[in-house]
Amino acid sequence: MKVLLLGSTGLLGQAMATETMRRGFVLRDAARNGARIPLDVTDESALLSVLGAEIPDLVVNCAASVDLDACEKNPLFAYRLNARVLAFLAEWSRTSGKPLVQISTDHYFNDGGDAPHDETAPVSFVNEYARTKFAGEAFALTAPRALVLRTNIVGIRGWDVPTFAEWAIGIALGDRPATMFSDVYVSSIDVSSFARATFDLIAAGTTGLLNLAAREVYAKEAFIREIARQLNCPMTRAKPGPAGELRPRRANCLGLNVNRAETLLGYRLPDLRSVVTSVLTQYRQRACAQLTRQA
């Protein structure tokens, strides 16, 4: 099977690329920079040209603008990247009869505290990121063989700008001062577990809208404390606090109910402890690889 992976150099794209090759599939990776196929997916003619030239058996779209501030400042670009691209990918899927996987978000929920939201829960939008990602879902779901996955991912990317997990590890290892958001609830899943489950769902022919996340809903504070616990690091300077003053405004009750995904998969998705263990394993592996290169 030939997999065209869009947004292959980002946090999730890297994990999806690894899983694609682990399963013995042909990987055709595409991104603005650093991929074998240089591609700006917002360029309609370039996107259609790549689809026509590659003739993939599956398209997985990890490309997105996830910077909330950038989405607010340039909503047109956010729409073009997070939504409009899916109109063309859905048309390709309908015409070719091939499956399309769209990676969505959990930034749709502002009520319920740590209660998990299922796929039918009402959504609301407090920023352009959420609005454009939801529009992308709607475009993707016009294709009968599309699978749209709502999620919240954590992992190690290795760029200059740290991911949330990389930031949390730095806070723990350095015992640095920080505000740990005690009022933001998530069901973040590590990228490796997400990638494995995604390909298992594809193999089962799953379509439609589905939550794919950790089976446990927890505060972001709990994630940081679990990082510190597993690293055996003191947490004397980081303190719990609210996220209400952050701008742009963001949703804070992001827990996802994954009962349907677990039923389709036939196995349980990871809890907080397992998610952190996987993230730290990835962190140590990358650190060891860097030391090997330097030796």
C-alpha atoms as a PDB file:
ATOM      1  CA  MET A   1       0.000   0.000   0.000  1.00  0.00           C
ATOM      2  CA  LYS A   2       1.268   3.447  -0.925  1.00  0.00           C
ATOM      3  CA  VAL A   3       0.575   6.116   1.722  1.00  0.00           C
ATOM      4  CA  LEU A   4       0.731   9.818   0.878  1.00  0.00           C
ATOM      5  CA  LEU A   5       1.412  11.554   4.182  1.00  0.00           C
ATOM      6  CA  LEU A   6       0.767  15.302   4.184  1.00  0.00           C
ATOM      7  CA  GLY A   7       2.453  17.337   6.913  1.00  0.00           C
ATOM      8  CA  SER A   8       5.010  14.591   7.437  1.00  0.00           C
ATOM      9  CA  THR A   9       7.616  16.632   9.322  1.00  0.00           C
ATOM     10  CA  GLY A  10       5.459  17.774  12.253  1.00  0.00           C
ATOM     11  CA  LEU A  11       4.968  16.086  15.607  1.00  0.00           C
ATOM     12  CA  LEU A  12       2.284  13.677  14.445  1.00  0.00           C
ATOM     13  CA  GLY A  13       3.614  13.428  10.906  1.00  0.00           C
ATOM     14  CA  GLN A  14       6.901  12.008  12.166  1.00  0.00           C
ATOM     15  CA  ALA A  15       5.084   9.323  14.188  1.00  0.00           C
ATOM     16  CA  MET A  16       2.776   8.461  11.298  1.00  0.00           C
ATOM     17  CA  ALA A  17       5.773   8.140   8.983  1.00  0.00           C
ATOM     18  CA  THR A  18       7.466   5.762  11.401  1.00  0.00           C
ATOM     19  CA  GLU A  19       4.328   3.634  11.727  1.00  0.00           C
ATOM     20  CA  THR A  20       3.814   3.570   7.952  1.00  0.00           C
ATOM     21  CA  MET A  21       7.286   2.137   7.416  1.00  0.00           C
ATOM     22  CA  ARG A  22       7.010  -0.216  10.405  1.00  0.00           C
ATOM     23  CA  ARG A  23       4.041  -1.864   8.690  1.00  0.00           C
ATOM     24  CA  GLY A  24       5.944  -2.272   5.453  1.00  0.00           C
ATOM     25  CA  PHE A  25       3.904   0.266   3.476  1.00  0.00           C
ATOM     26  CA  VAL A  26       5.357   2.572   0.838  1.00  0.00           C
ATOM     27  CA  LEU A  27       5.741   6.038   2.346  1.00  0.00           C
ATOM     28  CA  ARG A  28       5.476   9.144   0.210  1.00  0.00           C
ATOM     29  CA  ASP A  29       6.038  12.026   2.602  1.00  0.00           C
ATOM     30  CA  ALA A  30       5.077  15.579   1.725  1.00  0.00           C
ATOM     31  CA  ALA A  31       5.579  18.876   3.547  1.00  0.00           C
ATOM     32  CA  ARG A  32       6.651  22.451   2.916  1.00  0.00           C
ATOM     33  CA  ASN A  33      10.215  21.663   3.991  1.00  0.00           C
ATOM     34  CA  GLY A  34      12.274  18.596   4.841  1.00  0.00           C
ATOM     35  CA  ALA A  35      10.208  15.971   3.012  1.00  0.00           C
ATOM     36  CA  ARG A  36      10.884  13.998  -0.145  1.00  0.00           C
ATOM     37  CA  ILE A  37       7.924  15.720  -1.781  1.00  0.00           C
ATOM     38  CA  PRO A  38       8.060  19.507  -1.250  1.00  0.00           C
ATOM     39  CA  LEU A  39       4.440  20.638  -1.137  1.00  0.00           C
ATOM     40  CA  ASP A  40       2.394  23.584   0.050  1.00  0.00           C
ATOM     41  CA  VAL A  41      -1.002  21.915   0.416  1.00  0.00           C
ATOM     42  CA  THR A  42      -2.776  25.275   0.146  1.00  0.00           C
ATOM     43  CA  ASP A  43      -1.539  25.460  -3.464  1.00  0.00           C
ATOM     44  CA  GLU A  44      -4.461  23.739  -5.207  1.00  0.00           C
ATOM     45  CA  SER A  45      -2.646  22.994  -8.458  1.00  0.00           C
ATOM     46  CA  ALA A  46       0.415  21.620  -6.669  1.00  0.00           C
ATOM     47  CA  LEU A  47      -1.736  19.403  -4.432  1.00  0.00           C
ATOM     48  CA  LEU A  48      -3.724  18.024  -7.351  1.00  0.00           C
ATOM     49  CA  SER A  49      -0.506  17.456  -9.298  1.00  0.00           C
ATOM     50  CA  VAL A  50       0.993  15.392  -6.453  1.00  0.00           C
ATOM     51  CA  LEU A  51      -2.190  13.342  -6.077  1.00  0.00           C
ATOM     52  CA  GLY A  52      -2.213  12.662  -9.813  1.00  0.00           C
ATOM     53  CA  ALA A  53       1.465  11.769  -9.996  1.00  0.00           C
ATOM     54  CA  GLU A  54       1.632   9.583  -6.882  1.00  0.00           C
ATOM     55  CA  ILE A  55      -1.717   7.746  -7.222  1.00  0.00           C
ATOM     56  CA  PRO A  56      -1.701   6.814  -3.510  1.00  0.00           C
ATOM     57  CA  ASP A  57      -3.822   4.068  -1.987  1.00  0.00           C
ATOM     58  CA  LEU A  58      -4.368   6.209   1.109  1.00  0.00           C
ATOM     59  CA  VAL A  59      -3.956   9.874   2.021  1.00  0.00           C
ATOM     60  CA  VAL A  60      -3.322  10.858   5.647  1.00  0.00           C
ATOM     61  CA  ASN A  61      -3.539  14.589   6.290  1.00  0.00           C
ATOM     62  CA  CYS A  62      -1.519  15.834   9.274  1.00  0.00           C
ATOM     63  CA  ALA A  63      -0.969  19.290   7.786  1.00  0.00           C
ATOM     64  CA  ALA A  64      -2.521  22.079   9.843  1.00  0.00           C
ATOM     65  CA  SER A  65      -1.992  25.487  11.363  1.00  0.00           C
ATOM     66  CA  VAL A  66      -2.125  24.722  15.112  1.00  0.00           C
ATOM     67  CA  ASP A  67      -0.772  28.067  16.358  1.00  0.00           C
ATOM     68  CA  LEU A  68      -3.860  29.658  17.911  1.00  0.00           C
ATOM     69  CA  ASP A  69      -2.405  33.165  17.810  1.00  0.00           C
ATOM     70  CA  ALA A  70      -1.445  32.832  14.136  1.00  0.00           C
ATOM     71  CA  CYS A  71      -4.948  31.584  13.296  1.00  0.00           C
ATOM     72  CA  GLU A  72      -6.487  34.638  14.988  1.00  0.00           C
ATOM     73  CA  LYS A  73      -4.162  37.039  13.180  1.00  0.00           C
ATOM     74  CA  ASN A  74      -4.623  35.427   9.776  1.00  0.00           C
ATOM     75  CA  PRO A  75      -7.979  33.626   9.688  1.00  0.00           C
ATOM     76  CA  LEU A  76      -7.914  33.389   5.887  1.00  0.00           C
ATOM     77  CA  PHE A  77      -4.692  31.380   5.920  1.00  0.00           C
ATOM     78  CA  ALA A  78      -6.054  29.237   8.779  1.00  0.00           C
ATOM     79  CA  TYR A  79      -9.149  28.501   6.683  1.00  0.00           C
ATOM     80  CA  ARG A  80      -7.111  27.661   3.592  1.00  0.00           C
ATOM     81  CA  LEU A  81      -4.872  25.223   5.488  1.00  0.00           C
ATOM     82  CA  ASN A  82      -7.239  23.760   8.095  1.00  0.00           C
ATOM     83  CA  ALA A  83     -10.408  23.605   5.999  1.00  0.00           C
ATOM     84  CA  ARG A  84     -10.246  24.352   2.278  1.00  0.00           C
ATOM     85  CA  VAL A  85      -7.568  21.734   1.613  1.00  0.00           C
ATOM     86  CA  LEU A  86     -10.069  19.091   2.711  1.00  0.00           C
ATOM     87  CA  ALA A  87     -12.488  20.042  -0.035  1.00  0.00           C
ATOM     88  CA  PHE A  88      -9.920  18.904  -2.606  1.00  0.00           C
ATOM     89  CA  LEU A  89      -8.834  15.845  -0.653  1.00  0.00           C
ATOM     90  CA  ALA A  90     -12.459  14.767  -0.208  1.00  0.00           C
ATOM     91  CA  GLU A  91     -13.057  15.172  -3.933  1.00  0.00           C
ATOM     92  CA  TRP A  92      -9.996  13.007  -4.608  1.00  0.00           C
ATOM     93  CA  SER A  93     -11.305  10.356  -2.202  1.00  0.00           C
ATOM     94  CA  ARG A  94     -14.791  10.367  -3.761  1.00  0.00           C
ATOM     95  CA  THR A  95     -13.439  10.183  -7.308  1.00  0.00           C
ATOM     96  CA  SER A  96     -10.754   7.574  -6.659  1.00  0.00           C
ATOM     97  CA  GLY A  97     -12.682   5.511  -4.123  1.00  0.00           C
ATOM     98  CA  LYS A  98      -9.588   5.554  -1.889  1.00  0.00           C
ATOM     99  CA  PRO A  99      -9.608   6.269   1.860  1.00  0.00           C
ATOM    100  CA  LEU A 100      -8.763   9.641   3.389  1.00  0.00           C
ATOM    101  CA  VAL A 101      -7.749  10.215   7.015  1.00  0.00           C
ATOM    102  CA  GLN A 102      -8.118  13.713   8.443  1.00  0.00           C
ATOM    103  CA  ILE A 103      -6.559  14.546  11.815  1.00  0.00           C
ATOM    104  CA  SER A 104      -8.882  16.910  13.653  1.00  0.00           C
ATOM    105  CA  THR A 105      -8.876  18.391  17.164  1.00  0.00           C
ATOM    106  CA  ASP A 106     -10.631  18.430  20.526  1.00  0.00           C
ATOM    107  CA  HIS A 107     -10.870  22.236  20.805  1.00  0.00           C
ATOM    108  CA  TYR A 108     -14.665  22.253  20.649  1.00  0.00           C
ATOM    109  CA  PHE A 109     -15.789  21.937  24.261  1.00  0.00           C
ATOM    110  CA  ASN A 110     -16.070  24.547  27.005  1.00  0.00           C
ATOM    111  CA  ASP A 111     -18.397  22.880  29.493  1.00  0.00           C
ATOM    112  CA  GLY A 112     -18.349  19.793  31.668  1.00  0.00           C
ATOM    113  CA  GLY A 113     -15.046  19.972  33.518  1.00  0.00           C
ATOM    114  CA  ASP A 114     -13.360  16.586  33.297  1.00  0.00           C
ATOM    115  CA  ALA A 115     -16.371  14.828  31.747  1.00  0.00           C
ATOM    116  CA  PRO A 116     -15.567  13.065  28.443  1.00  0.00           C
ATOM    117  CA  HIS A 117     -17.405  14.182  25.295  1.00  0.00           C
ATOM    118  CA  ASP A 118     -18.560  11.631  22.750  1.00  0.00           C
ATOM    119  CA  GLU A 119     -18.822  12.145  18.993  1.00  0.00           C
ATOM    120  CA  THR A 120     -22.396  13.518  19.252  1.00  0.00           C
ATOM    121  CA  ALA A 121     -21.677  16.152  21.933  1.00  0.00           C
ATOM    122  CA  PRO A 122     -22.592  19.754  20.957  1.00  0.00           C
ATOM    123  CA  VAL A 123     -19.604  21.838  19.910  1.00  0.00           C
ATOM    124  CA  SER A 124     -18.810  25.521  20.388  1.00  0.00           C
ATOM    125  CA  PHE A 125     -16.045  27.716  19.035  1.00  0.00           C
ATOM    126  CA  VAL A 126     -14.007  30.307  20.922  1.00  0.00           C
ATOM    127  CA  ASN A 127     -11.248  30.857  18.346  1.00  0.00           C
ATOM    128  CA  GLU A 128     -10.445  30.644  14.643  1.00  0.00           C
ATOM    129  CA  TYR A 129      -8.467  27.446  15.064  1.00  0.00           C
ATOM    130  CA  ALA A 130     -11.549  25.577  16.273  1.00  0.00           C
ATOM    131  CA  ARG A 131     -13.774  27.130  13.598  1.00  0.00           C
ATOM    132  CA  THR A 132     -11.459  26.214  10.744  1.00  0.00           C
ATOM    133  CA  LYS A 133     -10.748  22.682  11.992  1.00  0.00           C
ATOM    134  CA  PHE A 134     -14.482  22.007  12.303  1.00  0.00           C
ATOM    135  CA  ALA A 135     -15.011  23.253   8.753  1.00  0.00           C
ATOM    136  CA  GLY A 136     -12.271  20.853   7.658  1.00  0.00           C
ATOM    137  CA  GLU A 137     -14.162  17.997   9.317  1.00  0.00           C
ATOM    138  CA  ALA A 138     -17.293  18.912   7.370  1.00  0.00           C
ATOM    139  CA  PHE A 139     -15.452  18.963   4.036  1.00  0.00           C
ATOM    140  CA  ALA A 140     -13.711  15.638   4.745  1.00  0.00           C
ATOM    141  CA  LEU A 141     -16.915  13.875   5.758  1.00  0.00           C
ATOM    142  CA  THR A 142     -18.465  14.513   2.343  1.00  0.00           C
ATOM    143  CA  ALA A 143     -16.309  11.582   1.188  1.00  0.00           C
ATOM    144  CA  PRO A 144     -17.808   8.163   2.027  1.00  0.00           C
ATOM    145  CA  ARG A 145     -14.374   6.635   2.736  1.00  0.00           C
ATOM    146  CA  ALA A 146     -13.115   9.461   4.950  1.00  0.00           C
ATOM    147  CA  LEU A 147     -12.099   8.870   8.561  1.00  0.00           C
ATOM    148  CA  VAL A 148     -11.961  12.008  10.737  1.00  0.00           C
ATOM    149  CA  LEU A 149     -10.145  11.568  14.043  1.00  0.00           C
ATOM    150  CA  ARG A 150     -10.633  14.005  16.912  1.00  0.00           C
ATOM    151  CA  THR A 151      -7.660  13.917  19.233  1.00  0.00           C
ATOM    152  CA  ASN A 152      -5.108  15.715  21.378  1.00  0.00           C
ATOM    153  CA  ILE A 153      -1.552  14.462  20.915  1.00  0.00           C
ATOM    154  CA  VAL A 154       1.651  14.755  22.950  1.00  0.00           C
ATOM    155  CA  GLY A 155       5.178  13.757  22.044  1.00  0.00           C
ATOM    156  CA  ILE A 156       8.757  14.690  21.199  1.00  0.00           C
ATOM    157  CA  ARG A 157       9.356  16.638  17.988  1.00  0.00           C
ATOM    158  CA  GLY A 158      12.940  17.888  18.327  1.00  0.00           C
ATOM    159  CA  TRP A 159      12.415  21.375  16.883  1.00  0.00           C
ATOM    160  CA  ASP A 160      13.717  24.618  18.388  1.00  0.00           C
ATOM    161  CA  VAL A 161      10.218  25.465  19.626  1.00  0.00           C
ATOM    162  CA  PRO A 162       9.327  22.786  22.226  1.00  0.00           C
ATOM    163  CA  THR A 163       6.124  20.798  22.240  1.00  0.00           C
ATOM    164  CA  PHE A 164       4.003  20.784  25.400  1.00  0.00           C
ATOM    165  CA  ALA A 165       5.597  17.488  26.443  1.00  0.00           C
ATOM    166  CA  GLU A 166       9.111  18.791  25.810  1.00  0.00           C
ATOM    167  CA  TRP A 167       8.294  21.922  27.840  1.00  0.00           C
ATOM    168  CA  ALA A 168       6.919  19.794  30.695  1.00  0.00           C
ATOM    169  CA  ILE A 169      10.040  17.614  30.742  1.00  0.00           C
ATOM    170  CA  GLY A 170      12.184  20.746  30.907  1.00  0.00           C
ATOM    171  CA  ILE A 171      10.115  22.076  33.826  1.00  0.00           C
ATOM    172  CA  ALA A 172      10.538  18.800  35.716  1.00  0.00           C
ATOM    173  CA  LEU A 173      14.239  18.249  35.017  1.00  0.00           C
ATOM    174  CA  GLY A 174      15.146  21.842  35.899  1.00  0.00           C
ATOM    175  CA  ASP A 175      12.629  22.247  38.735  1.00  0.00           C
ATOM    176  CA  ARG A 176      11.718  25.509  37.034  1.00  0.00           C
ATOM    177  CA  PRO A 177       8.883  27.899  37.951  1.00  0.00           C
ATOM    178  CA  ALA A 178       5.769  27.470  35.820  1.00  0.00           C
ATOM    179  CA  THR A 179       2.003  27.685  35.965  1.00  0.00           C
ATOM    180  CA  MET A 180       0.462  24.236  35.647  1.00  0.00           C
ATOM    181  CA  PHE A 181      -3.053  24.579  34.281  1.00  0.00           C
ATOM    182  CA  SER A 182      -5.312  22.900  36.808  1.00  0.00           C
ATOM    183  CA  ASP A 183      -8.515  23.923  34.976  1.00  0.00           C
ATOM    184  CA  VAL A 184      -7.711  22.574  31.492  1.00  0.00           C
ATOM    185  CA  TYR A 185      -8.871  18.988  31.027  1.00  0.00           C
ATOM    186  CA  VAL A 186      -7.595  16.805  28.189  1.00  0.00           C
ATOM    187  CA  SER A 187      -7.330  13.184  27.140  1.00  0.00           C
ATOM    188  CA  SER A 188      -4.006  13.610  25.356  1.00  0.00           C
ATOM    189  CA  ILE A 189      -2.539  10.502  23.755  1.00  0.00           C
ATOM    190  CA  ASP A 190       1.097   9.920  22.834  1.00  0.00           C
ATOM    191  CA  VAL A 191       1.781  10.091  19.119  1.00  0.00           C
ATOM    192  CA  SER A 192       3.108   6.533  18.887  1.00  0.00           C
ATOM    193  CA  SER A 193      -0.076   5.003  20.340  1.00  0.00           C
ATOM    194  CA  PHE A 194      -2.189   7.279  18.158  1.00  0.00           C
ATOM    195  CA  ALA A 195      -0.349   6.270  14.990  1.00  0.00           C
ATOM    196  CA  ARG A 196      -0.674   2.537  15.754  1.00  0.00           C
ATOM    197  CA  ALA A 197      -4.383   2.848  16.503  1.00  0.00           C
ATOM    198  CA  THR A 198      -4.984   4.930  13.382  1.00  0.00           C
ATOM    199  CA  PHE A 199      -3.550   2.262  11.101  1.00  0.00           C
ATOM    200  CA  ASP A 200      -5.489  -0.434  12.961  1.00  0.00           C
ATOM    201  CA  LEU A 201      -8.693   1.526  12.289  1.00  0.00           C
ATOM    202  CA  ILE A 202      -7.755   1.957   8.640  1.00  0.00           C
ATOM    203  CA  ALA A 203      -7.163  -1.782   8.337  1.00  0.00           C
ATOM    204  CA  ALA A 204     -10.643  -2.374   9.770  1.00  0.00           C
ATOM    205  CA  GLY A 205     -12.184  -0.079   7.135  1.00  0.00           C
ATOM    206  CA  THR A 206     -13.400   2.466   9.696  1.00  0.00           C
ATOM    207  CA  THR A 207     -15.014   5.633   8.326  1.00  0.00           C
ATOM    208  CA  GLY A 208     -16.831   8.663   9.690  1.00  0.00           C
ATOM    209  CA  LEU A 209     -16.127  10.771  12.773  1.00  0.00           C
ATOM    210  CA  LEU A 210     -14.320   9.139  15.697  1.00  0.00           C
ATOM    211  CA  ASN A 211     -12.617  10.172  18.927  1.00  0.00           C
ATOM    212  CA  LEU A 212      -9.127   8.689  19.253  1.00  0.00           C
ATOM    213  CA  ALA A 213      -7.383   9.707  22.465  1.00  0.00           C
ATOM    214  CA  ALA A 214      -6.343   8.448  25.886  1.00  0.00           C
ATOM    215  CA  ARG A 215      -9.043   6.617  27.807  1.00  0.00           C
ATOM    216  CA  GLU A 216      -8.531   8.876  30.835  1.00  0.00           C
ATOM    217  CA  VAL A 217      -9.414  12.571  31.145  1.00  0.00           C
ATOM    218  CA  TYR A 218      -6.952  14.545  33.246  1.00  0.00           C
ATOM    219  CA  ALA A 219      -5.843  18.124  33.949  1.00  0.00           C
ATOM    220  CA  LYS A 220      -2.703  19.391  32.234  1.00  0.00           C
ATOM    221  CA  GLU A 221      -1.291  19.808  35.741  1.00  0.00           C
ATOM    222  CA  ALA A 222      -1.627  16.042  36.240  1.00  0.00           C
ATOM    223  CA  PHE A 223       0.369  15.400  33.056  1.00  0.00           C
ATOM    224  CA  ILE A 224       3.263  17.559  34.287  1.00  0.00           C
ATOM    225  CA  ARG A 225       3.203  15.958  37.737  1.00  0.00           C
ATOM    226  CA  GLU A 226       3.254  12.472  36.191  1.00  0.00           C
ATOM    227  CA  ILE A 227       6.250  13.498  34.063  1.00  0.00           C
ATOM    228  CA  ALA A 228       8.049  14.606  37.239  1.00  0.00           C
ATOM    229  CA  ARG A 229       7.036  11.446  39.105  1.00  0.00           C
ATOM    230  CA  GLN A 230       8.360   9.123  36.431  1.00  0.00           C
ATOM    231  CA  LEU A 231      11.569  11.149  36.172  1.00  0.00           C
ATOM    232  CA  ASN A 232      11.867  11.142  39.963  1.00  0.00           C
ATOM    233  CA  CYS A 233      12.240  14.925  39.950  1.00  0.00           C
ATOM    234  CA  PRO A 234      11.108  17.371  42.663  1.00  0.00           C
ATOM    235  CA  MET A 235       8.389  19.885  41.804  1.00  0.00           C
ATOM    236  CA  THR A 236       9.033  22.768  44.206  1.00  0.00           C
ATOM    237  CA  ARG A 237       8.658  25.788  41.916  1.00  0.00           C
ATOM    238  CA  ALA A 238       5.876  24.884  39.474  1.00  0.00           C
ATOM    239  CA  LYS A 239       2.459  25.795  40.848  1.00  0.00           C
ATOM    240  CA  PRO A 240      -1.145  25.051  39.835  1.00  0.00           C
ATOM    241  CA  GLY A 241      -3.079  27.910  38.310  1.00  0.00           C
ATOM    242  CA  PRO A 242      -5.869  28.807  35.876  1.00  0.00           C
ATOM    243  CA  ALA A 243      -5.616  29.242  32.121  1.00  0.00           C
ATOM    244  CA  GLY A 244      -8.495  31.696  31.890  1.00  0.00           C
ATOM    245  CA  GLU A 245      -6.329  34.726  31.120  1.00  0.00           C
ATOM    246  CA  LEU A 246      -4.575  33.162  28.126  1.00  0.00           C
ATOM    247  CA  ARG A 247      -5.160  34.865  24.809  1.00  0.00           C
ATOM    248  CA  PRO A 248      -6.419  33.917  22.325  1.00  0.00           C
ATOM    249  CA  ARG A 249      -9.187  32.336  24.350  1.00  0.00           C
ATOM    250  CA  ARG A 250      -9.205  28.559  24.182  1.00  0.00           C
ATOM    251  CA  ALA A 251     -11.537  25.728  25.091  1.00  0.00           C
ATOM    252  CA  ASN A 252     -10.684  24.032  28.375  1.00  0.00           C
ATOM    253  CA  CYS A 253     -12.962  20.977  28.754  1.00  0.00           C
ATOM    254  CA  LEU A 254     -11.391  18.812  26.077  1.00  0.00           C
ATOM    255  CA  GLY A 255     -11.891  15.295  27.376  1.00  0.00           C
ATOM    256  CA  LEU A 256     -12.950  12.777  24.723  1.00  0.00           C
ATOM    257  CA  ASN A 257     -15.011   9.637  25.188  1.00  0.00           C
ATOM    258  CA  VAL A 258     -13.170   6.843  23.355  1.00  0.00           C
ATOM    259  CA  ASN A 259     -15.590   3.971  24.029  1.00  0.00           C
ATOM    260  CA  ARG A 260     -16.491   3.637  20.364  1.00  0.00           C
ATOM    261  CA  ALA A 261     -12.843   3.606  19.249  1.00  0.00           C
ATOM    262  CA  GLU A 262     -11.944   0.949  21.831  1.00  0.00           C
ATOM    263  CA  THR A 263     -14.849  -1.208  20.654  1.00  0.00           C
ATOM    264  CA  LEU A 264     -13.736  -0.929  17.030  1.00  0.00           C
ATOM    265  CA  LEU A 265     -10.101  -1.579  17.916  1.00  0.00           C
ATOM    266  CA  GLY A 266     -10.783  -4.456  20.280  1.00  0.00           C
ATOM    267  CA  TYR A 267      -8.291  -3.150  22.836  1.00  0.00           C
ATOM    268  CA  ARG A 268      -7.996  -0.394  25.414  1.00  0.00           C
ATOM    269  CA  LEU A 269      -6.328   2.903  24.667  1.00  0.00           C
ATOM    270  CA  PRO A 270      -3.615   4.170  27.058  1.00  0.00           C
ATOM    271  CA  ASP A 271      -4.198   5.961  30.356  1.00  0.00           C
ATOM    272  CA  LEU A 272      -2.200   8.935  31.666  1.00  0.00           C
ATOM    273  CA  ARG A 273       0.587   6.804  33.125  1.00  0.00           C
ATOM    274  CA  SER A 274       1.049   4.860  29.886  1.00  0.00           C
ATOM    275  CA  VAL A 275       0.981   8.044  27.804  1.00  0.00           C
ATOM    276  CA  VAL A 276       3.754   9.616  29.889  1.00  0.00           C
ATOM    277  CA  THR A 277       5.817   6.405  29.826  1.00  0.00           C
ATOM    278  CA  SER A 278       5.660   6.384  26.031  1.00  0.00           C
ATOM    279  CA  VAL A 279       6.581  10.081  25.797  1.00  0.00           C
ATOM    280  CA  LEU A 280       9.588   9.609  28.085  1.00  0.00           C
ATOM    281  CA  THR A 281      10.698   6.547  26.116  1.00  0.00           C
ATOM    282  CA  GLN A 282      10.640   8.651  22.958  1.00  0.00           C
ATOM    283  CA  TYR A 283      12.537  11.429  24.763  1.00  0.00           C
ATOM    284  CA  ARG A 284      15.284   9.059  25.922  1.00  0.00           C
ATOM    285  CA  GLN A 285      15.576   7.419  22.502  1.00  0.00           C
ATOM    286  CA  ARG A 286      16.020  10.801  20.809  1.00  0.00           C
ATOM    287  CA  ALA A 287      18.574  11.865  23.444  1.00  0.00           C
ATOM    288  CA  CYS A 288      20.553   8.649  22.935  1.00  0.00           C
ATOM    289  CA  ALA A 289      20.465   9.118  19.147  1.00  0.00           C
ATOM    290  CA  GLN A 290      21.825  12.658  19.512  1.00  0.00           C
ATOM    291  CA  LEU A 291      24.668  11.446  21.739  1.00  0.00           C
ATOM    292  CA  THR A 292      25.501   8.709  19.227  1.00  0.00           C
ATOM    293  CA  ARG A 293      25.688  11.244  16.403  1.00  0.00           C
ATOM    294  CA  GLN A 294      27.970  13.474  18.472  1.00  0.00           C
ATOM    295  CA  ALA A 295      30.333  10.615  19.433  1.00  0.00           C
END
